[in-house]
C-alpha atoms as a PDB file:
ATOM      1  CA  MET A   1     -74.533 115.518 156.063  1.00  0.00           C
ATOM      2  CA  THR A   2     -71.481 113.250 156.352  1.00  0.00           C
ATOM      3  CA  ILE A   3     -70.757 110.589 153.728  1.00  0.00           C
ATOM      4  CA  ILE A   4     -71.567 107.813 156.218  1.00  0.00           C
ATOM      5  CA  ASN A   5     -74.833 109.415 157.287  1.00  0.00           C
ATOM      6  CA  SER A   6     -75.697 110.073 153.656  1.00  0.00           C
ATOM      7  CA  LYS A   7     -75.161 106.402 152.826  1.00  0.00           C
ATOM      8  CA  ARG A   8     -77.270 105.353 155.782  1.00  0.00           C
ATOM      9  CA  TYR A   9     -80.057 107.687 154.664  1.00  0.00           C
ATOM     10  CA  ILE A  10     -79.954 106.224 151.163  1.00  0.00           C
ATOM     11  CA  PHE A  11     -79.984 102.626 152.430  1.00  0.00           C
ATOM     12  CA  SER A  12     -82.776 103.347 154.911  1.00  0.00           C
ATOM     13  CA  ALA A  13     -84.793 104.981 152.160  1.00  0.00           C
ATOM     14  CA  ALA A  14     -84.177 101.955 149.958  1.00  0.00           C
ATOM     15  CA  PHE A  15     -85.473  99.646 152.675  1.00  0.00           C
ATOM     16  CA  ALA A  16     -88.599 101.777 153.102  1.00  0.00           C
ATOM     17  CA  ALA A  17     -89.117 101.809 149.344  1.00  0.00           C
ATOM     18  CA  LEU A  18     -88.662  98.057 149.157  1.00  0.00           C
ATOM     19  CA  THR A  19     -91.254  97.586 151.881  1.00  0.00           C
ATOM     20  CA  ALA A  20     -93.656  99.958 150.156  1.00  0.00           C
ATOM     21  CA  LEU A  21     -93.304  98.104 146.855  1.00  0.00           C
ATOM     22  CA  ALA A  22     -94.091  94.816 148.563  1.00  0.00           C
ATOM     23  CA  ALA A  23     -96.863  96.071 150.843  1.00  0.00           C
ATOM     24  CA  PRO A  24    -100.257  94.486 150.193  1.00  0.00           C
ATOM     25  CA  THR A  25    -103.533  96.325 150.571  1.00  0.00           C
ATOM     26  CA  ALA A  26    -104.873  96.823 154.088  1.00  0.00           C
ATOM     27  CA  ALA A  27    -107.751  94.393 153.513  1.00  0.00           C
ATOM     28  CA  THR A  28    -105.442  91.711 152.171  1.00  0.00           C
ATOM     29  CA  ALA A  29    -102.961  92.296 154.992  1.00  0.00           C
ATOM     30  CA  ALA A  30    -105.675  91.800 157.603  1.00  0.00           C
ATOM     31  CA  VAL A  31    -106.581  88.410 156.127  1.00  0.00           C
ATOM     32  CA  GLU A  32    -102.910  87.420 155.925  1.00  0.00           C
ATOM     33  CA  GLN A  33    -102.266  88.414 159.535  1.00  0.00           C
ATOM     34  CA  SER A  34    -105.079  86.148 160.688  1.00  0.00           C
ATOM     35  CA  GLN A  35    -103.573  83.297 158.714  1.00  0.00           C
ATOM     36  CA  CYS A  36     -99.989  83.729 159.831  1.00  0.00           C
ATOM     37  CA  GLY A  37    -100.189  85.651 163.091  1.00  0.00           C
ATOM     38  CA  GLU A  38     -97.263  86.376 165.383  1.00  0.00           C
ATOM     39  CA  VAL A  39     -93.861  84.803 164.765  1.00  0.00           C
ATOM     40  CA  THR A  40     -90.710  85.000 166.899  1.00  0.00           C
ATOM     41  CA  ILE A  41     -87.303  84.521 165.314  1.00  0.00           C
ATOM     42  CA  THR A  42     -83.816  84.765 166.778  1.00  0.00           C
ATOM     43  CA  GLN A  43     -81.635  87.802 166.200  1.00  0.00           C
ATOM     44  CA  MET A  44     -78.217  86.281 166.875  1.00  0.00           C
ATOM     45  CA  ASN A  45     -75.526  88.831 167.642  1.00  0.00           C
ATOM     46  CA  TRP A  46     -73.189  88.142 164.739  1.00  0.00           C
ATOM     47  CA  ASP A  47     -73.471  89.660 161.278  1.00  0.00           C
ATOM     48  CA  SER A  48     -74.251  86.699 159.038  1.00  0.00           C
ATOM     49  CA  ALA A  49     -77.071  85.529 161.322  1.00  0.00           C
ATOM     50  CA  ALA A  50     -78.464  89.057 161.513  1.00  0.00           C
ATOM     51  CA  ILE A  51     -78.626  89.211 157.714  1.00  0.00           C
ATOM     52  CA  VAL A  52     -80.389  85.835 157.547  1.00  0.00           C
ATOM     53  CA  THR A  53     -82.920  87.094 160.092  1.00  0.00           C
ATOM     54  CA  ALA A  54     -83.456  90.400 158.290  1.00  0.00           C
ATOM     55  CA  VAL A  55     -84.078  88.693 154.933  1.00  0.00           C
ATOM     56  CA  SER A  56     -86.359  86.078 156.522  1.00  0.00           C
ATOM     57  CA  LYS A  57     -88.284  88.719 158.475  1.00  0.00           C
ATOM     58  CA  PHE A  58     -88.887  90.781 155.341  1.00  0.00           C
ATOM     59  CA  LEU A  59     -90.156  87.780 153.354  1.00  0.00           C
ATOM     60  CA  MET A  60     -92.417  86.610 156.175  1.00  0.00           C
ATOM     61  CA  GLU A  61     -93.891  90.058 156.748  1.00  0.00           C
ATOM     62  CA  GLN A  62     -94.251  91.255 153.169  1.00  0.00           C
ATOM     63  CA  GLY A  63     -94.862  87.937 151.454  1.00  0.00           C
ATOM     64  CA  TYR A  64     -96.853  86.024 154.048  1.00  0.00           C
ATOM     65  CA  GLY A  65     -98.395  88.748 156.220  1.00  0.00           C
ATOM     66  CA  CYS A  66     -96.755  87.639 159.465  1.00  0.00           C
ATOM     67  CA  ASP A  67     -96.207  89.859 162.502  1.00  0.00           C
ATOM     68  CA  VAL A  68     -92.543  89.040 163.154  1.00  0.00           C
ATOM     69  CA  THR A  69     -90.601  89.824 166.327  1.00  0.00           C
ATOM     70  CA  ALA A  70     -86.820  89.414 166.225  1.00  0.00           C
ATOM     71  CA  VAL A  71     -85.594  88.201 169.632  1.00  0.00           C
ATOM     72  CA  PRO A  72     -81.978  89.078 170.539  1.00  0.00           C
ATOM     73  CA  SER A  73     -80.146  85.868 171.403  1.00  0.00           C
ATOM     74  CA  ASP A  74     -76.994  83.734 171.252  1.00  0.00           C
ATOM     75  CA  THR A  75     -76.492  80.015 170.694  1.00  0.00           C
ATOM     76  CA  THR A  76     -76.695  78.887 174.312  1.00  0.00           C
ATOM     77  CA  PRO A  77     -79.596  81.146 175.403  1.00  0.00           C
ATOM     78  CA  ALA A  78     -81.566  80.153 172.288  1.00  0.00           C
ATOM     79  CA  ILE A  79     -81.195  76.432 172.992  1.00  0.00           C
ATOM     80  CA  THR A  80     -82.001  76.969 176.671  1.00  0.00           C
ATOM     81  CA  SER A  81     -85.140  78.920 175.773  1.00  0.00           C
ATOM     82  CA  LEU A  82     -86.260  76.207 173.350  1.00  0.00           C
ATOM     83  CA  SER A  83     -85.786  73.612 176.074  1.00  0.00           C
ATOM     84  CA  GLU A  84     -87.458  75.548 178.886  1.00  0.00           C
ATOM     85  CA  ASN A  85     -90.040  77.716 177.093  1.00  0.00           C
ATOM     86  CA  ASN A  86     -90.570  76.141 173.655  1.00  0.00           C
ATOM     87  CA  GLU A  87     -89.642  79.456 172.039  1.00  0.00           C
ATOM     88  CA  PRO A  88     -88.668  81.290 169.928  1.00  0.00           C
ATOM     89  CA  ASP A  89     -90.590  79.784 167.026  1.00  0.00           C
ATOM     90  CA  ILE A  90     -87.624  79.937 164.639  1.00  0.00           C
ATOM     91  CA  VAL A  91     -83.902  79.766 165.380  1.00  0.00           C
ATOM     92  CA  THR A  92     -81.726  80.818 162.445  1.00  0.00           C
ATOM     93  CA  GLU A  93     -78.031  80.115 161.892  1.00  0.00           C
ATOM     94  CA  LEU A  94     -77.703  77.612 164.706  1.00  0.00           C
ATOM     95  CA  TRP A  95     -74.179  76.173 164.885  1.00  0.00           C
ATOM     96  CA  VAL A  96     -74.995  72.585 165.804  1.00  0.00           C
ATOM     97  CA  ASN A  97     -71.419  71.746 166.840  1.00  0.00           C
ATOM     98  CA  SER A  98     -71.741  74.208 169.706  1.00  0.00           C
ATOM     99  CA  THR A  99     -75.132  73.196 171.083  1.00  0.00           C
ATOM    100  CA  GLY A 100     -74.289  70.220 173.307  1.00  0.00           C
ATOM    101  CA  ASP A 101     -76.596  67.502 174.606  1.00  0.00           C
ATOM    102  CA  VAL A 102     -79.587  69.817 175.061  1.00  0.00           C
ATOM    103  CA  TYR A 103     -80.029  70.158 171.313  1.00  0.00           C
ATOM    104  CA  LYS A 104     -79.704  66.429 170.737  1.00  0.00           C
ATOM    105  CA  LYS A 105     -82.383  65.745 173.329  1.00  0.00           C
ATOM    106  CA  LEU A 106     -84.722  68.386 171.880  1.00  0.00           C
ATOM    107  CA  LYS A 107     -84.340  66.832 168.445  1.00  0.00           C
ATOM    108  CA  ALA A 108     -84.624  63.227 169.684  1.00  0.00           C
ATOM    109  CA  ASP A 109     -87.764  64.064 171.683  1.00  0.00           C
ATOM    110  CA  GLY A 110     -89.358  65.650 168.613  1.00  0.00           C
ATOM    111  CA  ASN A 111     -89.696  69.076 170.209  1.00  0.00           C
ATOM    112  CA  ILE A 112     -87.892  70.800 167.331  1.00  0.00           C
ATOM    113  CA  VAL A 113     -87.613  70.197 163.602  1.00  0.00           C
ATOM    114  CA  GLU A 114     -84.371  70.810 161.721  1.00  0.00           C
ATOM    115  CA  LEU A 115     -85.409  72.470 158.466  1.00  0.00           C
ATOM    116  CA  THR A 116     -82.296  73.151 156.419  1.00  0.00           C
ATOM    117  CA  SER A 117     -78.620  74.017 156.257  1.00  0.00           C
ATOM    118  CA  VAL A 118     -78.941  77.791 156.168  1.00  0.00           C
ATOM    119  CA  LEU A 119     -75.304  78.189 155.080  1.00  0.00           C
ATOM    120  CA  ASP A 120     -74.020  75.818 152.403  1.00  0.00           C
ATOM    121  CA  PRO A 121     -71.620  74.048 152.781  1.00  0.00           C
ATOM    122  CA  GLY A 122     -71.425  75.345 156.353  1.00  0.00           C
ATOM    123  CA  GLY A 123     -68.926  77.104 158.567  1.00  0.00           C
ATOM    124  CA  VAL A 124     -65.342  76.762 159.704  1.00  0.00           C
ATOM    125  CA  GLU A 125     -64.086  77.132 163.259  1.00  0.00           C
ATOM    126  CA  GLY A 126     -60.615  77.083 164.710  1.00  0.00           C
ATOM    127  CA  TRP A 127     -57.848  78.736 166.667  1.00  0.00           C
ATOM    128  CA  TRP A 128     -56.112  81.182 164.352  1.00  0.00           C
ATOM    129  CA  LEU A 129     -52.945  83.190 163.880  1.00  0.00           C
ATOM    130  CA  PRO A 130     -52.168  85.825 161.241  1.00  0.00           C
ATOM    131  CA  THR A 131     -50.534  84.074 158.304  1.00  0.00           C
ATOM    132  CA  TYR A 132     -47.629  86.531 158.388  1.00  0.00           C
ATOM    133  CA  LEU A 133     -46.823  85.296 161.899  1.00  0.00           C
ATOM    134  CA  VAL A 134     -46.804  81.629 160.884  1.00  0.00           C
ATOM    135  CA  GLU A 135     -44.709  82.408 157.808  1.00  0.00           C
ATOM    136  CA  ALA A 136     -42.147  84.160 160.009  1.00  0.00           C
ATOM    137  CA  HIS A 137     -42.254  81.395 162.644  1.00  0.00           C
ATOM    138  CA  PRO A 138     -43.328  78.079 161.051  1.00  0.00           C
ATOM    139  CA  GLU A 139     -43.189  76.363 164.439  1.00  0.00           C
ATOM    140  CA  LEU A 140     -46.383  78.212 165.361  1.00  0.00           C
ATOM    141  CA  ALA A 141     -48.416  76.100 162.935  1.00  0.00           C
ATOM    142  CA  THR A 142     -49.276  73.673 165.755  1.00  0.00           C
ATOM    143  CA  ILE A 143     -50.681  74.133 169.245  1.00  0.00           C
ATOM    144  CA  GLU A 144     -47.522  72.572 170.664  1.00  0.00           C
ATOM    145  CA  GLY A 145     -45.420  75.206 168.903  1.00  0.00           C
ATOM    146  CA  VAL A 146     -47.665  77.993 170.134  1.00  0.00           C
ATOM    147  CA  MET A 147     -47.513  76.805 173.738  1.00  0.00           C
ATOM    148  CA  ALA A 148     -43.721  76.467 173.531  1.00  0.00           C
ATOM    149  CA  ASN A 149     -43.446  80.077 172.327  1.00  0.00           C
ATOM    150  CA  PRO A 150     -46.116  82.114 174.103  1.00  0.00           C
ATOM    151  CA  GLU A 151     -44.231  85.376 173.604  1.00  0.00           C
ATOM    152  CA  LEU A 152     -44.433  84.993 169.812  1.00  0.00           C
ATOM    153  CA  VAL A 153     -48.253  85.002 169.898  1.00  0.00           C
ATOM    154  CA  GLY A 154     -48.519  87.909 172.317  1.00  0.00           C
ATOM    155  CA  GLY A 155     -49.055  85.726 175.377  1.00  0.00           C
ATOM    156  CA  MET A 156     -52.843  85.899 175.014  1.00  0.00           C
ATOM    157  CA  PHE A 157     -55.699  83.778 173.687  1.00  0.00           C
ATOM    158  CA  ASN A 158     -58.729  85.728 172.449  1.00  0.00           C
ATOM    159  CA  ASN A 159     -61.779  83.766 173.571  1.00  0.00           C
ATOM    160  CA  CYS A 160     -65.476  83.897 172.634  1.00  0.00           C
ATOM    161  CA  PRO A 161     -67.971  86.017 174.571  1.00  0.00           C
ATOM    162  CA  ASP A 162     -70.072  84.445 177.295  1.00  0.00           C
ATOM    163  CA  GLY A 163     -73.264  82.918 175.918  1.00  0.00           C
ATOM    164  CA  TRP A 164     -71.698  81.702 172.674  1.00  0.00           C
ATOM    165  CA  GLY A 165     -71.492  77.947 172.146  1.00  0.00           C
ATOM    166  CA  CYS A 166     -67.828  78.260 171.129  1.00  0.00           C
ATOM    167  CA  ARG A 167     -67.065  79.712 174.561  1.00  0.00           C
ATOM    168  CA  ILE A 168     -68.024  76.398 176.181  1.00  0.00           C
ATOM    169  CA  VAL A 169     -65.928  74.367 173.719  1.00  0.00           C
ATOM    170  CA  ASN A 170     -62.958  76.725 174.048  1.00  0.00           C
ATOM    171  CA  ASP A 171     -63.082  76.724 177.851  1.00  0.00           C
ATOM    172  CA  ASN A 172     -62.899  72.929 177.836  1.00  0.00           C
ATOM    173  CA  MET A 173     -60.097  72.919 175.253  1.00  0.00           C
ATOM    174  CA  ILE A 174     -58.133  75.476 177.273  1.00  0.00           C
ATOM    175  CA  ARG A 175     -58.294  73.117 180.244  1.00  0.00           C
ATOM    176  CA  ALA A 176     -57.416  70.105 178.090  1.00  0.00           C
ATOM    177  CA  PHE A 177     -54.278  71.782 176.761  1.00  0.00           C
ATOM    178  CA  ASN A 178     -53.369  73.433 180.107  1.00  0.00           C
ATOM    179  CA  LEU A 179     -53.021  76.521 177.945  1.00  0.00           C
ATOM    180  CA  GLU A 180     -52.673  79.031 180.773  1.00  0.00           C
ATOM    181  CA  GLU A 181     -49.906  76.995 182.398  1.00  0.00           C
ATOM    182  CA  SER A 182     -47.833  77.561 179.251  1.00  0.00           C
ATOM    183  CA  GLY A 183     -47.853  81.307 179.883  1.00  0.00           C
ATOM    184  CA  ILE A 184     -50.772  82.235 177.656  1.00  0.00           C
ATOM    185  CA  LYS A 185     -53.464  84.297 179.363  1.00  0.00           C
ATOM    186  CA  VAL A 186     -57.081  83.930 178.313  1.00  0.00           C
ATOM    187  CA  PHE A 187     -59.018  87.075 177.475  1.00  0.00           C
ATOM    188  CA  ASN A 188     -62.772  86.531 177.385  1.00  0.00           C
ATOM    189  CA  HIS A 189     -64.270  89.106 175.038  1.00  0.00           C
ATOM    190  CA  GLY A 190     -67.495  90.850 175.970  1.00  0.00           C
ATOM    191  CA  SER A 191     -68.886  90.840 172.435  1.00  0.00           C
ATOM    192  CA  GLY A 192     -68.256  89.606 168.930  1.00  0.00           C
ATOM    193  CA  GLN A 193     -67.410  93.164 167.951  1.00  0.00           C
ATOM    194  CA  THR A 194     -64.477  93.447 170.337  1.00  0.00           C
ATOM    195  CA  LEU A 195     -63.226  90.017 169.246  1.00  0.00           C
ATOM    196  CA  ALA A 196     -63.240  91.139 165.602  1.00  0.00           C
ATOM    197  CA  THR A 197     -61.730  94.518 166.434  1.00  0.00           C
ATOM    198  CA  SER A 198     -58.839  92.914 168.300  1.00  0.00           C
ATOM    199  CA  MET A 199     -57.967  90.841 165.231  1.00  0.00           C
ATOM    200  CA  ALA A 200     -58.233  93.814 162.873  1.00  0.00           C
ATOM    201  CA  ALA A 201     -56.089  96.058 165.082  1.00  0.00           C
ATOM    202  CA  ALA A 202     -53.367  93.434 165.413  1.00  0.00           C
ATOM    203  CA  TYR A 203     -53.393  92.592 161.708  1.00  0.00           C
ATOM    204  CA  GLN A 204     -53.205  96.178 160.544  1.00  0.00           C
ATOM    205  CA  SER A 205     -50.172  96.709 162.796  1.00  0.00           C
ATOM    206  CA  GLU A 206     -48.690  93.298 161.887  1.00  0.00           C
ATOM    207  CA  GLU A 207     -48.634  92.359 165.560  1.00  0.00           C
ATOM    208  CA  PRO A 208     -49.305  88.937 167.123  1.00  0.00           C
ATOM    209  CA  TRP A 209     -52.888  87.771 167.567  1.00  0.00           C
ATOM    210  CA  PHE A 210     -54.014  84.346 168.745  1.00  0.00           C
ATOM    211  CA  GLY A 211     -57.597  83.265 169.250  1.00  0.00           C
ATOM    212  CA  TYR A 212     -60.808  81.645 168.146  1.00  0.00           C
ATOM    213  CA  TYR A 213     -62.671  82.719 165.045  1.00  0.00           C
ATOM    214  CA  TRP A 214     -65.088  81.323 162.526  1.00  0.00           C
ATOM    215  CA  GLY A 215     -66.340  81.800 158.989  1.00  0.00           C
ATOM    216  CA  PRO A 216     -68.073  83.053 157.017  1.00  0.00           C
ATOM    217  CA  THR A 217     -67.247  86.421 158.557  1.00  0.00           C
ATOM    218  CA  THR A 218     -65.934  89.772 157.400  1.00  0.00           C
ATOM    219  CA  PRO A 219     -62.564  89.477 159.191  1.00  0.00           C
ATOM    220  CA  MET A 220     -61.872  86.043 157.747  1.00  0.00           C
ATOM    221  CA  GLY A 221     -62.594  87.443 154.300  1.00  0.00           C
ATOM    222  CA  LYS A 222     -60.395  90.513 154.793  1.00  0.00           C
ATOM    223  CA  PHE A 223     -57.370  89.049 156.580  1.00  0.00           C
ATOM    224  CA  ALA A 224     -55.113  86.117 155.711  1.00  0.00           C
ATOM    225  CA  MET A 225     -55.347  83.869 158.752  1.00  0.00           C
ATOM    226  CA  THR A 226     -53.965  80.383 159.455  1.00  0.00           C
ATOM    227  CA  SER A 227     -55.853  77.784 161.478  1.00  0.00           C
ATOM    228  CA  ILE A 228     -53.317  76.071 163.702  1.00  0.00           C
ATOM    229  CA  ASP A 229     -53.191  72.295 164.062  1.00  0.00           C
ATOM    230  CA  LEU A 230     -55.046  71.306 167.229  1.00  0.00           C
ATOM    231  CA  GLY A 231     -54.603  67.582 166.652  1.00  0.00           C
ATOM    232  CA  GLU A 232     -56.979  64.987 165.296  1.00  0.00           C
ATOM    233  CA  TYR A 233     -60.724  65.473 165.295  1.00  0.00           C
ATOM    234  CA  ASP A 234     -62.513  63.099 167.656  1.00  0.00           C
ATOM    235  CA  LYS A 235     -66.297  63.128 167.469  1.00  0.00           C
ATOM    236  CA  ASP A 236     -66.908  61.884 171.025  1.00  0.00           C
ATOM    237  CA  ILE A 237     -64.394  64.274 172.561  1.00  0.00           C
ATOM    238  CA  HIS A 238     -65.775  67.246 170.640  1.00  0.00           C
ATOM    239  CA  GLN A 239     -69.315  66.383 171.653  1.00  0.00           C
ATOM    240  CA  ALA A 240     -68.250  66.194 175.295  1.00  0.00           C
ATOM    241  CA  ASN A 241     -66.508  69.551 174.964  1.00  0.00           C
ATOM    242  CA  GLN A 242     -69.816  71.154 173.975  1.00  0.00           C
ATOM    243  CA  ASN A 243     -71.061  70.746 177.543  1.00  0.00           C
ATOM    244  CA  ALA A 244     -70.010  73.264 180.181  1.00  0.00           C
ATOM    245  CA  ASP A 245     -67.344  72.094 182.643  1.00  0.00           C
ATOM    246  CA  THR A 246     -67.153  68.615 181.149  1.00  0.00           C
ATOM    247  CA  PRO A 247     -65.106  66.364 183.484  1.00  0.00           C
ATOM    248  CA  ASN A 248     -61.530  65.701 182.354  1.00  0.00           C
ATOM    249  CA  PRO A 249     -61.796  67.408 178.950  1.00  0.00           C
ATOM    250  CA  LYS A 250     -59.574  66.225 176.125  1.00  0.00           C
ATOM    251  CA  ALA A 251     -58.331  67.930 172.990  1.00  0.00           C
ATOM    252  CA  SER A 252     -59.940  67.697 169.572  1.00  0.00           C
ATOM    253  CA  SER A 253     -59.834  69.878 166.491  1.00  0.00           C
ATOM    254  CA  PHE A 254     -63.035  71.475 165.216  1.00  0.00           C
ATOM    255  CA  PRO A 255     -65.026  69.613 162.553  1.00  0.00           C
ATOM    256  CA  ALA A 256     -66.742  71.266 159.628  1.00  0.00           C
ATOM    257  CA  ALA A 257     -69.689  73.064 161.167  1.00  0.00           C
ATOM    258  CA  PRO A 258     -73.256  72.364 160.073  1.00  0.00           C
ATOM    259  CA  ILE A 259     -75.290  75.569 160.408  1.00  0.00           C
ATOM    260  CA  VAL A 260     -79.041  75.038 160.444  1.00  0.00           C
ATOM    261  CA  THR A 261     -82.450  76.611 160.866  1.00  0.00           C
ATOM    262  CA  VAL A 262     -84.831  74.933 163.303  1.00  0.00           C
ATOM    263  CA  VAL A 263     -88.447  75.502 164.325  1.00  0.00           C
ATOM    264  CA  THR A 264     -90.462  74.182 167.233  1.00  0.00           C
ATOM    265  CA  LYS A 265     -92.745  71.219 166.533  1.00  0.00           C
ATOM    266  CA  ASP A 266     -95.772  73.309 167.505  1.00  0.00           C
ATOM    267  CA  PHE A 267     -94.840  76.070 165.058  1.00  0.00           C
ATOM    268  CA  MET A 268     -94.241  73.540 162.283  1.00  0.00           C
ATOM    269  CA  LYS A 269     -97.740  72.133 162.798  1.00  0.00           C
ATOM    270  CA  ALA A 270     -99.475  75.519 163.042  1.00  0.00           C
ATOM    271  CA  ASN A 271     -97.561  77.278 160.246  1.00  0.00           C
ATOM    272  CA  PRO A 272     -96.545  74.769 157.555  1.00  0.00           C
ATOM    273  CA  GLU A 273     -96.202  77.461 154.869  1.00  0.00           C
ATOM    274  CA  ILE A 274     -93.760  79.499 156.953  1.00  0.00           C
ATOM    275  CA  ALA A 275     -91.851  76.338 157.845  1.00  0.00           C
ATOM    276  CA  GLU A 276     -91.632  75.557 154.138  1.00  0.00           C
ATOM    277  CA  LEU A 277     -90.342  79.067 153.432  1.00  0.00           C
ATOM    278  CA  MET A 278     -87.673  78.802 156.119  1.00  0.00           C
ATOM    279  CA  SER A 279     -86.627  75.381 154.815  1.00  0.00           C
ATOM    280  CA  ASN A 280     -85.849  77.094 151.504  1.00  0.00           C
ATOM    281  CA  VAL A 281     -83.893  80.039 152.941  1.00  0.00           C
ATOM    282  CA  THR A 282     -80.289  79.018 152.399  1.00  0.00           C
ATOM    283  CA  PHE A 283     -77.220  81.004 151.371  1.00  0.00           C
ATOM    284  CA  LYS A 284     -74.035  79.815 149.753  1.00  0.00           C
ATOM    285  CA  THR A 285     -71.200  80.496 152.190  1.00  0.00           C
ATOM    286  CA  SER A 286     -69.431  82.432 149.433  1.00  0.00           C
ATOM    287  CA  THR A 287     -72.529  84.603 148.883  1.00  0.00           C
ATOM    288  CA  MET A 288     -72.718  85.378 152.585  1.00  0.00           C
ATOM    289  CA  SER A 289     -69.038  86.327 152.646  1.00  0.00           C
ATOM    290  CA  GLN A 290     -69.691  88.740 149.776  1.00  0.00           C
ATOM    291  CA  LEU A 291     -72.638  90.241 151.642  1.00  0.00           C
ATOM    292  CA  LEU A 292     -70.523  90.693 154.760  1.00  0.00           C
ATOM    293  CA  SER A 293     -67.767  92.337 152.740  1.00  0.00           C
ATOM    294  CA  TRP A 294     -70.308  94.705 151.130  1.00  0.00           C
ATOM    295  CA  LYS A 295     -71.814  95.497 154.540  1.00  0.00           C
ATOM    296  CA  ASP A 296     -68.410  96.367 155.967  1.00  0.00           C
ATOM    297  CA  ALA A 297     -67.295  98.444 152.973  1.00  0.00           C
ATOM    298  CA  ASN A 298     -70.518 100.476 153.055  1.00  0.00           C
ATOM    299  CA  ASN A 299     -70.818 100.794 156.840  1.00  0.00           C
ATOM    300  CA  ALA A 300     -74.283  99.305 156.396  1.00  0.00           C
ATOM    301  CA  SER A 301     -76.659  97.724 158.882  1.00  0.00           C
ATOM    302  CA  SER A 302     -77.865  94.135 158.625  1.00  0.00           C
ATOM    303  CA  GLU A 303     -81.213  95.387 157.332  1.00  0.00           C
ATOM    304  CA  GLU A 304     -79.444  97.380 154.638  1.00  0.00           C
ATOM    305  CA  ALA A 305     -77.417  94.312 153.677  1.00  0.00           C
ATOM    306  CA  ALA A 306     -80.710  92.435 153.433  1.00  0.00           C
ATOM    307  CA  VAL A 307     -82.023  95.109 151.039  1.00  0.00           C
ATOM    308  CA  TYR A 308     -78.865  94.773 148.951  1.00  0.00           C
ATOM    309  CA  PHE A 309     -79.330  90.995 148.777  1.00  0.00           C
ATOM    310  CA  LEU A 310     -83.035  91.203 147.926  1.00  0.00           C
ATOM    311  CA  LYS A 311     -82.492  93.780 145.178  1.00  0.00           C
ATOM    312  CA  ASN A 312     -79.575  91.952 143.571  1.00  0.00           C
ATOM    313  CA  ASN A 313     -80.411  88.268 144.017  1.00  0.00           C
ATOM    314  CA  GLN A 314     -84.020  87.884 142.886  1.00  0.00           C
ATOM    315  CA  ASP A 315     -83.185  84.658 141.059  1.00  0.00           C
ATOM    316  CA  ALA A 316     -82.105  83.110 144.369  1.00  0.00           C
ATOM    317  CA  TRP A 317     -84.874  84.137 146.753  1.00  0.00           C
ATOM    318  CA  SER A 318     -87.749  84.017 144.248  1.00  0.00           C
ATOM    319  CA  GLY A 319     -87.455  80.240 144.444  1.00  0.00           C
ATOM    320  CA  TRP A 320     -87.862  80.291 148.226  1.00  0.00           C
ATOM    321  CA  ILE A 321     -91.405  81.668 148.333  1.00  0.00           C
ATOM    322  CA  ASN A 322     -94.770  80.177 147.403  1.00  0.00           C
ATOM    323  CA  GLU A 323     -97.096  81.333 144.621  1.00  0.00           C
ATOM    324  CA  ALA A 324     -99.153  83.652 146.812  1.00  0.00           C
ATOM    325  CA  ALA A 325     -96.047  85.353 148.207  1.00  0.00           C
ATOM    326  CA  THR A 326     -94.647  85.659 144.686  1.00  0.00           C
ATOM    327  CA  GLU A 327     -97.742  87.593 143.688  1.00  0.00           C
ATOM    328  CA  LYS A 328     -97.438  89.945 146.676  1.00  0.00           C
ATOM    329  CA  LEU A 329     -93.747  90.545 146.006  1.00  0.00           C
ATOM    330  CA  SER A 330     -94.132  90.768 142.237  1.00  0.00           C
ATOM    331  CA  ALA A 331     -93.006  94.408 142.161  1.00  0.00           C
ATOM    332  CA  LEU A 332     -89.611  93.336 143.473  1.00  0.00           C
ATOM    333  CA  LEU A 333     -89.279  90.571 140.870  1.00  0.00           C
ATOM    334  CA  LYS A 334     -89.661  92.751 137.792  1.00  0.00           C
END
């Protein structure tokens, strides 16, 4: 058995053991299922969100007896589904700055309830260069300097995948800056994994890399990166840039990003205890960065990172759950 496969076996066994420790009796589980029932929750396709979902899913299933389905999604599809289908029940790690007018209308109409900031104090977004590149060429610290020297940044902008909210904002910003006219091609990545891999490969070879990224993430924790100056932040301009193909887009830097958990109004009414749980599920950004670093170093899955968090941070999550769930999960709290 290889070292990696051995680790995965150990982590998978730990997850099974954790579930077994928390598992209620069959009779109790049947009662709990009737009380909670089926729950759908987003499985966003980036690591921090996947860990939030895995931890939340475990607590709902083992502490509250829910039958939880994780629904693969991204920011834009999740908001669209909420608007058109009133589902999924729970959307975790929603980057509000990238949701556009649809989210505002959903919230204003009372169709969704914003429960909590799931990452505290939130996230950072920007267009980044390796710090070694900016140190060698200080003129690259601004977008004007980058556009005047496209060859120094590799002549390419690494853009978000389709379906991500940042893709919409970036596409509008690219038009606002006339970025491609400066000689910088735009490469639209097919996944978050290829976006991260492109940064890692460039950094390890000390080559140019220019593109969008966000934190908390493993790459931003591993590599020294510099967010270039995109100009002043303008709330109205940034809000307009969150809508696809906004007419005559203008430039604005990214604000600090609130990252929230929301539920549908119907779910809130039908499942107040689960809504209360999810309003308590919040991670310090620094804690999430540590989890992501551990996940990367151990070649672990999101579920395995969730196990690591649950086993090592009882003081944090024990305050999230109610008295009945505490009793069911008591074996994990010893």
